[in-house]
Amino acid sequence: SNDRRVIGFNNIELITDRPLQTNLDEIRQIK
């Protein structure tokens, strides 16, 4: 906005770039 408030983002980030097993281990622990 004119006062520099963020109204929205445009992003080009893709899905996770971390190893699958790392994600699975962390999900299991979080739950």
PDB file of all heavy atoms in Angstrom:
ATOM      1  N   SER A   1       0.848  -1.180   0.000  1.00  0.00           N
ATOM      2  CA  SER A   1       0.000   0.000   0.000  1.00  0.00           C
ATOM      3  C   SER A   1       0.887   1.235   0.000  1.00  0.00           C
ATOM      4  O   SER A   1       2.118   1.140   0.098  1.00  0.00           O
ATOM      5  CB  SER A   1      -0.921  -0.003   1.222  1.00  0.00           C
ATOM      6  OG  SER A   1      -0.152   0.107   2.418  1.00  0.00           O
ATOM      7  N   ASN A   2       0.279   2.403  -0.096  1.00  0.00           N
ATOM      8  CA  ASN A   2       1.069   3.632  -0.122  1.00  0.00           C
ATOM      9  C   ASN A   2       1.867   3.865   1.158  1.00  0.00           C
ATOM     10  O   ASN A   2       2.858   4.587   1.148  1.00  0.00           O
ATOM     11  CB  ASN A   2       0.162   4.833  -0.391  1.00  0.00           C
ATOM     12  CG  ASN A   2      -0.380   4.843  -1.804  1.00  0.00           C
ATOM     13  OD1 ASN A   2       0.210   4.265  -2.713  1.00  0.00           O
ATOM     14  ND2 ASN A   2      -1.532   5.480  -2.017  1.00  0.00           N
ATOM     15  N   ASP A   3       1.416   3.243   2.266  1.00  0.00           N
ATOM     16  CA  ASP A   3       2.157   3.394   3.519  1.00  0.00           C
ATOM     17  C   ASP A   3       3.101   2.215   3.783  1.00  0.00           C
ATOM     18  O   ASP A   3       3.505   1.996   4.919  1.00  0.00           O
ATOM     19  CB  ASP A   3       1.196   3.591   4.698  1.00  0.00           C
ATOM     20  CG  ASP A   3       0.245   2.414   4.902  1.00  0.00           C
ATOM     21  OD1 ASP A   3       0.267   1.469   4.073  1.00  0.00           O
ATOM     22  OD2 ASP A   3      -0.544   2.426   5.878  1.00  0.00           O
ATOM     23  N   ARG A   4       3.419   1.447   2.724  1.00  0.00           N
ATOM     24  CA  ARG A   4       4.360   0.332   2.771  1.00  0.00           C
ATOM     25  C   ARG A   4       3.823  -0.879   3.522  1.00  0.00           C
ATOM     26  O   ARG A   4       4.577  -1.785   3.874  1.00  0.00           O
ATOM     27  CB  ARG A   4       5.701   0.747   3.375  1.00  0.00           C
ATOM     28  CG  ARG A   4       6.549   1.621   2.476  1.00  0.00           C
ATOM     29  CD  ARG A   4       7.096   0.844   1.288  1.00  0.00           C
ATOM     30  NE  ARG A   4       8.035  -0.211   1.671  1.00  0.00           N
ATOM     31  CZ  ARG A   4       8.592  -1.065   0.806  1.00  0.00           C
ATOM     32  NH1 ARG A   4       8.288  -1.006  -0.484  1.00  0.00           N
ATOM     33  NH2 ARG A   4       9.421  -2.006   1.224  1.00  0.00           N
ATOM     34  N   ARG A   5       2.534  -0.941   3.768  1.00  0.00           N
ATOM     35  CA  ARG A   5       1.957  -2.143   4.342  1.00  0.00           C
ATOM     36  C   ARG A   5       1.877  -3.206   3.257  1.00  0.00           C
ATOM     37  O   ARG A   5       1.458  -2.944   2.136  1.00  0.00           O
ATOM     38  CB  ARG A   5       0.576  -1.843   4.908  1.00  0.00           C
ATOM     39  CG  ARG A   5      -0.087  -3.021   5.606  1.00  0.00           C
ATOM     40  CD  ARG A   5      -1.375  -2.583   6.276  1.00  0.00           C
ATOM     41  NE  ARG A   5      -2.346  -2.077   5.330  1.00  0.00           N
ATOM     42  CZ  ARG A   5      -3.211  -2.863   4.665  1.00  0.00           C
ATOM     43  NH1 ARG A   5      -3.208  -4.168   4.833  1.00  0.00           N
ATOM     44  NH2 ARG A   5      -4.074  -2.309   3.824  1.00  0.00           N
ATOM     45  N   VAL A   6       2.283  -4.431   3.597  1.00  0.00           N
ATOM     46  CA  VAL A   6       2.252  -5.523   2.630  1.00  0.00           C
ATOM     47  C   VAL A   6       0.818  -6.001   2.440  1.00  0.00           C
ATOM     48  O   VAL A   6       0.158  -6.423   3.388  1.00  0.00           O
ATOM     49  CB  VAL A   6       3.141  -6.691   3.085  1.00  0.00           C
ATOM     50  CG1 VAL A   6       3.009  -7.859   2.109  1.00  0.00           C
ATOM     51  CG2 VAL A   6       4.594  -6.259   3.183  1.00  0.00           C
ATOM     52  N   ILE A   7       0.334  -5.906   1.205  1.00  0.00           N
ATOM     53  CA  ILE A   7      -1.005  -6.371   0.867  1.00  0.00           C
ATOM     54  C   ILE A   7      -0.975  -7.828   0.406  1.00  0.00           C
ATOM     55  O   ILE A   7      -1.905  -8.590   0.651  1.00  0.00           O
ATOM     56  CB  ILE A   7      -1.629  -5.474  -0.212  1.00  0.00           C
ATOM     57  CG1 ILE A   7      -1.738  -4.030   0.296  1.00  0.00           C
ATOM     58  CG2 ILE A   7      -2.997  -5.993  -0.623  1.00  0.00           C
ATOM     59  CD1 ILE A   7      -2.184  -3.050  -0.765  1.00  0.00           C
ATOM     60  N   GLY A   8       0.108  -8.194  -0.254  1.00  0.00           N
ATOM     61  CA  GLY A   8       0.206  -9.567  -0.735  1.00  0.00           C
ATOM     62  C   GLY A   8       1.602  -9.888  -1.213  1.00  0.00           C
ATOM     63  O   GLY A   8       2.428  -9.006  -1.447  1.00  0.00           O
ATOM     64  N   PHE A   9       1.872 -11.169  -1.340  1.00  0.00           N
ATOM     65  CA  PHE A   9       3.131 -11.665  -1.866  1.00  0.00           C
ATOM     66  C   PHE A   9       2.896 -12.383  -3.189  1.00  0.00           C
ATOM     67  O   PHE A   9       1.856 -13.009  -3.395  1.00  0.00           O
ATOM     68  CB  PHE A   9       3.778 -12.677  -0.914  1.00  0.00           C
ATOM     69  CG  PHE A   9       4.411 -12.083   0.309  1.00  0.00           C
ATOM     70  CD1 PHE A   9       4.102 -12.579   1.562  1.00  0.00           C
ATOM     71  CD2 PHE A   9       5.325 -11.053   0.214  1.00  0.00           C
ATOM     72  CE1 PHE A   9       4.681 -12.051   2.702  1.00  0.00           C
ATOM     73  CE2 PHE A   9       5.912 -10.515   1.352  1.00  0.00           C
ATOM     74  CZ  PHE A   9       5.589 -11.021   2.588  1.00  0.00           C
ATOM     75  N   ASN A  10       3.858 -12.269  -4.057  1.00  0.00           N
ATOM     76  CA  ASN A  10       3.982 -13.151  -5.208  1.00  0.00           C
ATOM     77  C   ASN A  10       5.197 -14.023  -4.933  1.00  0.00           C
ATOM     78  O   ASN A  10       6.293 -13.517  -4.707  1.00  0.00           O
ATOM     79  CB  ASN A  10       4.165 -12.345  -6.490  1.00  0.00           C
ATOM     80  CG  ASN A  10       4.350 -13.225  -7.703  1.00  0.00           C
ATOM     81  OD1 ASN A  10       3.432 -13.848  -8.181  1.00  0.00           O
ATOM     82  ND2 ASN A  10       5.557 -13.251  -8.218  1.00  0.00           N
ATOM     83  N   ASN A  11       5.029 -15.347  -4.920  1.00  0.00           N
ATOM     84  CA  ASN A  11       6.160 -16.193  -4.578  1.00  0.00           C
ATOM     85  C   ASN A  11       6.426 -17.228  -5.665  1.00  0.00           C
ATOM     86  O   ASN A  11       5.499 -17.691  -6.347  1.00  0.00           O
ATOM     87  CB  ASN A  11       5.936 -16.871  -3.223  1.00  0.00           C
ATOM     88  CG  ASN A  11       5.185 -18.182  -3.325  1.00  0.00           C
ATOM     89  OD1 ASN A  11       5.784 -19.250  -3.553  1.00  0.00           O
ATOM     90  ND2 ASN A  11       3.868 -18.119  -3.166  1.00  0.00           N
ATOM     91  N   ILE A  12       7.690 -17.584  -5.820  1.00  0.00           N
ATOM     92  CA  ILE A  12       8.095 -18.619  -6.769  1.00  0.00           C
ATOM     93  C   ILE A  12       8.757 -19.790  -6.048  1.00  0.00           C
ATOM     94  O   ILE A  12       9.440 -20.603  -6.684  1.00  0.00           O
ATOM     95  CB  ILE A  12       9.016 -18.065  -7.868  1.00  0.00           C
ATOM     96  CG1 ILE A  12      10.320 -17.509  -7.273  1.00  0.00           C
ATOM     97  CG2 ILE A  12       8.298 -16.990  -8.686  1.00  0.00           C
ATOM     98  CD1 ILE A  12      11.399 -17.250  -8.322  1.00  0.00           C
ATOM     99  N   GLU A  13       8.575 -19.870  -4.727  1.00  0.00           N
ATOM    100  CA  GLU A  13       9.130 -20.998  -3.997  1.00  0.00           C
ATOM    101  C   GLU A  13       8.366 -22.269  -4.352  1.00  0.00           C
ATOM    102  O   GLU A  13       7.139 -22.285  -4.469  1.00  0.00           O
ATOM    103  CB  GLU A  13       9.083 -20.742  -2.493  1.00  0.00           C
ATOM    104  CG  GLU A  13       9.679 -21.870  -1.666  1.00  0.00           C
ATOM    105  CD  GLU A  13      10.085 -21.437  -0.284  1.00  0.00           C
ATOM    106  OE1 GLU A  13      10.650 -20.343  -0.134  1.00  0.00           O
ATOM    107  OE2 GLU A  13       9.841 -22.207   0.656  1.00  0.00           O
ATOM    108  N   LEU A  14       9.092 -23.363  -4.502  1.00  0.00           N
ATOM    109  CA  LEU A  14       8.491 -24.645  -4.839  1.00  0.00           C
ATOM    110  C   LEU A  14       8.228 -25.447  -3.568  1.00  0.00           C
ATOM    111  O   LEU A  14       8.301 -24.948  -2.459  1.00  0.00           O
ATOM    112  CB  LEU A  14       9.410 -25.416  -5.794  1.00  0.00           C
ATOM    113  CG  LEU A  14       9.829 -24.676  -7.067  1.00  0.00           C
ATOM    114  CD1 LEU A  14      10.629 -25.598  -7.973  1.00  0.00           C
ATOM    115  CD2 LEU A  14       8.627 -24.106  -7.804  1.00  0.00           C
ATOM    116  N   ILE A  15       7.906 -26.705  -3.735  1.00  0.00           N
ATOM    117  CA  ILE A  15       7.662 -27.586  -2.595  1.00  0.00           C
ATOM    118  C   ILE A  15       8.963 -27.790  -1.836  1.00  0.00           C
ATOM    119  O   ILE A  15      10.015 -27.253  -2.201  1.00  0.00           O
ATOM    120  CB  ILE A  15       7.039 -28.915  -3.044  1.00  0.00           C
ATOM    121  CG1 ILE A  15       8.027 -29.727  -3.883  1.00  0.00           C
ATOM    122  CG2 ILE A  15       5.760 -28.645  -3.835  1.00  0.00           C
ATOM    123  CD1 ILE A  15       7.505 -31.113  -4.278  1.00  0.00           C
ATOM    124  N   THR A  16       8.937 -28.557  -0.752  1.00  0.00           N
ATOM    125  CA  THR A  16      10.104 -28.688   0.112  1.00  0.00           C
ATOM    126  C   THR A  16      11.332 -29.138  -0.664  1.00  0.00           C
ATOM    127  O   THR A  16      11.257 -30.002  -1.547  1.00  0.00           O
ATOM    128  CB  THR A  16       9.838 -29.673   1.265  1.00  0.00           C
ATOM    129  OG1 THR A  16      10.985 -29.714   2.135  1.00  0.00           O
ATOM    130  CG2 THR A  16       9.545 -31.070   0.727  1.00  0.00           C
ATOM    131  N   ASP A  17      12.459 -28.523  -0.348  1.00  0.00           N
ATOM    132  CA  ASP A  17      13.727 -28.949  -0.923  1.00  0.00           C
ATOM    133  C   ASP A  17      14.592 -29.673   0.103  1.00  0.00           C
ATOM    134  O   ASP A  17      15.799 -29.845  -0.101  1.00  0.00           O
ATOM    135  CB  ASP A  17      14.483 -27.770  -1.537  1.00  0.00           C
ATOM    136  CG  ASP A  17      14.656 -26.588  -0.576  1.00  0.00           C
ATOM    137  OD1 ASP A  17      14.397 -26.754   0.643  1.00  0.00           O
ATOM    138  OD2 ASP A  17      15.023 -25.494  -1.044  1.00  0.00           O
ATOM    139  N   ARG A  18      13.961 -30.112   1.181  1.00  0.00           N
ATOM    140  CA  ARG A  18      14.638 -30.908   2.202  1.00  0.00           C
ATOM    141  C   ARG A  18      14.424 -32.400   1.921  1.00  0.00           C
ATOM    142  O   ARG A  18      13.388 -32.792   1.354  1.00  0.00           O
ATOM    143  CB  ARG A  18      14.108 -30.561   3.595  1.00  0.00           C
ATOM    144  CG  ARG A  18      14.208 -29.079   3.917  1.00  0.00           C
ATOM    145  CD  ARG A  18      13.393 -28.725   5.137  1.00  0.00           C
ATOM    146  NE  ARG A  18      13.987 -29.232   6.353  1.00  0.00           N
ATOM    147  CZ  ARG A  18      13.337 -29.914   7.299  1.00  0.00           C
ATOM    148  NH1 ARG A  18      12.059 -30.198   7.125  1.00  0.00           N
ATOM    149  NH2 ARG A  18      13.950 -30.310   8.374  1.00  0.00           N
ATOM    150  N   PRO A  19      15.359 -33.261   2.295  1.00  0.00           N
ATOM    151  CA  PRO A  19      15.199 -34.696   2.054  1.00  0.00           C
ATOM    152  C   PRO A  19      13.910 -35.243   2.651  1.00  0.00           C
ATOM    153  O   PRO A  19      13.492 -34.822   3.743  1.00  0.00           O
ATOM    154  CB  PRO A  19      16.428 -35.301   2.741  1.00  0.00           C
ATOM    155  CG  PRO A  19      17.438 -34.194   2.757  1.00  0.00           C
ATOM    156  CD  PRO A  19      16.659 -32.935   2.924  1.00  0.00           C
ATOM    157  N   LEU A  20      13.286 -36.157   1.957  1.00  0.00           N
ATOM    158  CA  LEU A  20      12.007 -36.701   2.406  1.00  0.00           C
ATOM    159  C   LEU A  20      12.121 -37.318   3.798  1.00  0.00           C
ATOM    160  O   LEU A  20      11.258 -37.080   4.653  1.00  0.00           O
ATOM    161  CB  LEU A  20      11.511 -37.749   1.405  1.00  0.00           C
ATOM    162  CG  LEU A  20      10.204 -38.459   1.794  1.00  0.00           C
ATOM    163  CD1 LEU A  20       9.042 -37.469   1.849  1.00  0.00           C
ATOM    164  CD2 LEU A  20       9.904 -39.596   0.822  1.00  0.00           C
ATOM    165  N   GLN A  21      13.148 -38.091   4.052  1.00  0.00           N
ATOM    166  CA  GLN A  21      13.264 -38.758   5.332  1.00  0.00           C
ATOM    167  C   GLN A  21      13.395 -37.766   6.477  1.00  0.00           C
ATOM    168  O   GLN A  21      12.863 -37.981   7.572  1.00  0.00           O
ATOM    169  CB  GLN A  21      14.459 -39.728   5.341  1.00  0.00           C
ATOM    170  CG  GLN A  21      14.457 -40.686   6.539  1.00  0.00           C
ATOM    171  CD  GLN A  21      13.198 -41.534   6.578  1.00  0.00           C
ATOM    172  OE1 GLN A  21      12.819 -42.172   5.595  1.00  0.00           O
ATOM    173  NE2 GLN A  21      12.507 -41.540   7.723  1.00  0.00           N
ATOM    174  N   THR A  22      14.092 -36.670   6.236  1.00  0.00           N
ATOM    175  CA  THR A  22      14.200 -35.627   7.259  1.00  0.00           C
ATOM    176  C   THR A  22      12.820 -35.096   7.625  1.00  0.00           C
ATOM    177  O   THR A  22      12.487 -34.941   8.803  1.00  0.00           O
ATOM    178  CB  THR A  22      15.101 -34.484   6.760  1.00  0.00           C
ATOM    179  OG1 THR A  22      16.406 -34.987   6.482  1.00  0.00           O
ATOM    180  CG2 THR A  22      15.197 -33.385   7.811  1.00  0.00           C
ATOM    181  N   ASN A  23      12.012 -34.820   6.610  1.00  0.00           N
ATOM    182  CA  ASN A  23      10.653 -34.349   6.863  1.00  0.00           C
ATOM    183  C   ASN A  23       9.833 -35.393   7.616  1.00  0.00           C
ATOM    184  O   ASN A  23       9.133 -35.079   8.579  1.00  0.00           O
ATOM    185  CB  ASN A  23       9.967 -34.004   5.545  1.00  0.00           C
ATOM    186  CG  ASN A  23      10.318 -32.616   5.037  1.00  0.00           C
ATOM    187  OD1 ASN A  23       9.990 -31.603   5.655  1.00  0.00           O
ATOM    188  ND2 ASN A  23      10.982 -32.568   3.893  1.00  0.00           N
ATOM    189  N   LEU A  24       9.906 -36.653   7.188  1.00  0.00           N
ATOM    190  CA  LEU A  24       9.117 -37.704   7.821  1.00  0.00           C
ATOM    191  C   LEU A  24       9.490 -37.866   9.287  1.00  0.00           C
ATOM    192  O   LEU A  24       8.621 -38.026  10.159  1.00  0.00           O
ATOM    193  CB  LEU A  24       9.304 -39.022   7.074  1.00  0.00           C
ATOM    194  CG  LEU A  24       8.792 -39.067   5.630  1.00  0.00           C
ATOM    195  CD1 LEU A  24       9.106 -40.419   4.986  1.00  0.00           C
ATOM    196  CD2 LEU A  24       7.301 -38.784   5.560  1.00  0.00           C
ATOM    197  N   ASP A  25      10.787 -37.837   9.575  1.00  0.00           N
ATOM    198  CA  ASP A  25      11.241 -37.975  10.971  1.00  0.00           C
ATOM    199  C   ASP A  25      10.726 -36.818  11.826  1.00  0.00           C
ATOM    200  O   ASP A  25      10.293 -37.022  12.969  1.00  0.00           O
ATOM    201  CB  ASP A  25      12.770 -38.022  11.026  1.00  0.00           C
ATOM    202  CG  ASP A  25      13.344 -39.299  10.425  1.00  0.00           C
ATOM    203  OD1 ASP A  25      12.589 -40.279  10.254  1.00  0.00           O
ATOM    204  OD2 ASP A  25      14.557 -39.305  10.098  1.00  0.00           O
ATOM    205  N   GLU A  26      10.772 -35.624  11.282  1.00  0.00           N
ATOM    206  CA  GLU A  26      10.336 -34.462  12.051  1.00  0.00           C
ATOM    207  C   GLU A  26       8.822 -34.466  12.250  1.00  0.00           C
ATOM    208  O   GLU A  26       8.327 -34.092  13.324  1.00  0.00           O
ATOM    209  CB  GLU A  26      10.787 -33.179  11.349  1.00  0.00           C
ATOM    210  CG  GLU A  26      12.290 -32.966  11.403  1.00  0.00           C
ATOM    211  CD  GLU A  26      12.720 -31.623  10.833  1.00  0.00           C
ATOM    212  OE1 GLU A  26      11.830 -30.838  10.416  1.00  0.00           O
ATOM    213  OE2 GLU A  26      13.944 -31.346  10.812  1.00  0.00           O
ATOM    214  N   ILE A  27       8.066 -34.866  11.241  1.00  0.00           N
ATOM    215  CA  ILE A  27       6.611 -34.953  11.380  1.00  0.00           C
ATOM    216  C   ILE A  27       6.246 -35.949  12.473  1.00  0.00           C
ATOM    217  O   ILE A  27       5.385 -35.690  13.317  1.00  0.00           O
ATOM    218  CB  ILE A  27       5.960 -35.349  10.036  1.00  0.00           C
ATOM    219  CG1 ILE A  27       6.151 -34.236   9.005  1.00  0.00           C
ATOM    220  CG2 ILE A  27       4.471 -35.655  10.222  1.00  0.00           C
ATOM    221  CD1 ILE A  27       5.830 -34.662   7.588  1.00  0.00           C
ATOM    222  N   ARG A  28       6.910 -37.092  12.456  1.00  0.00           N
ATOM    223  CA  ARG A  28       6.641 -38.118  13.470  1.00  0.00           C
ATOM    224  C   ARG A  28       6.902 -37.570  14.876  1.00  0.00           C
ATOM    225  O   ARG A  28       6.086 -37.771  15.795  1.00  0.00           O
ATOM    226  CB  ARG A  28       7.525 -39.340  13.206  1.00  0.00           C
ATOM    227  CG  ARG A  28       7.261 -40.511  14.168  1.00  0.00           C
ATOM    228  CD  ARG A  28       8.095 -41.722  13.803  1.00  0.00           C
ATOM    229  NE  ARG A  28       7.626 -42.346  12.569  1.00  0.00           N
ATOM    230  CZ  ARG A  28       8.242 -42.265  11.407  1.00  0.00           C
ATOM    231  NH1 ARG A  28       9.393 -41.592  11.314  1.00  0.00           N
ATOM    232  NH2 ARG A  28       7.750 -42.844  10.325  1.00  0.00           N
ATOM    233  N   GLN A  29       8.003 -36.857  15.054  1.00  0.00           N
ATOM    234  CA  GLN A  29       8.338 -36.324  16.374  1.00  0.00           C
ATOM    235  C   GLN A  29       7.361 -35.222  16.792  1.00  0.00           C
ATOM    236  O   GLN A  29       6.942 -35.166  17.960  1.00  0.00           O
ATOM    237  CB  GLN A  29       9.771 -35.782  16.376  1.00  0.00           C
ATOM    238  CG  GLN A  29      10.285 -35.402  17.769  1.00  0.00           C
ATOM    239  CD  GLN A  29      10.310 -36.588  18.703  1.00  0.00           C
ATOM    240  OE1 GLN A  29      10.854 -37.652  18.390  1.00  0.00           O
ATOM    241  NE2 GLN A  29       9.706 -36.433  19.885  1.00  0.00           N
ATOM    242  N   ILE A  30       6.996 -34.348  15.858  1.00  0.00           N
ATOM    243  CA  ILE A  30       6.052 -33.273  16.161  1.00  0.00           C
ATOM    244  C   ILE A  30       4.730 -33.847  16.632  1.00  0.00           C
ATOM    245  O   ILE A  30       4.127 -33.368  17.605  1.00  0.00           O
ATOM    246  CB  ILE A  30       5.858 -32.361  14.932  1.00  0.00           C
ATOM    247  CG1 ILE A  30       7.056 -31.439  14.749  1.00  0.00           C
ATOM    248  CG2 ILE A  30       4.565 -31.546  15.065  1.00  0.00           C
ATOM    249  CD1 ILE A  30       7.159 -30.324  15.751  1.00  0.00           C
ATOM    250  N   LYS A  31       4.247 -34.858  15.962  1.00  0.00           N
ATOM    251  CA  LYS A  31       2.956 -35.443  16.337  1.00  0.00           C
ATOM    252  C   LYS A  31       3.033 -36.099  17.717  1.00  0.00           C
ATOM    253  O   LYS A  31       2.063 -36.064  18.484  1.00  0.00           O
ATOM    254  CB  LYS A  31       2.501 -36.441  15.279  1.00  0.00           C
ATOM    255  CG  LYS A  31       1.037 -36.863  15.442  1.00  0.00           C
ATOM    256  CD  LYS A  31       0.094 -35.665  15.380  1.00  0.00           C
ATOM    257  CE  LYS A  31      -1.294 -36.022  15.903  1.00  0.00           C
ATOM    258  NZ  LYS A  31      -2.192 -34.855  16.002  1.00  0.00           N
TER     259      LYS A  31
END
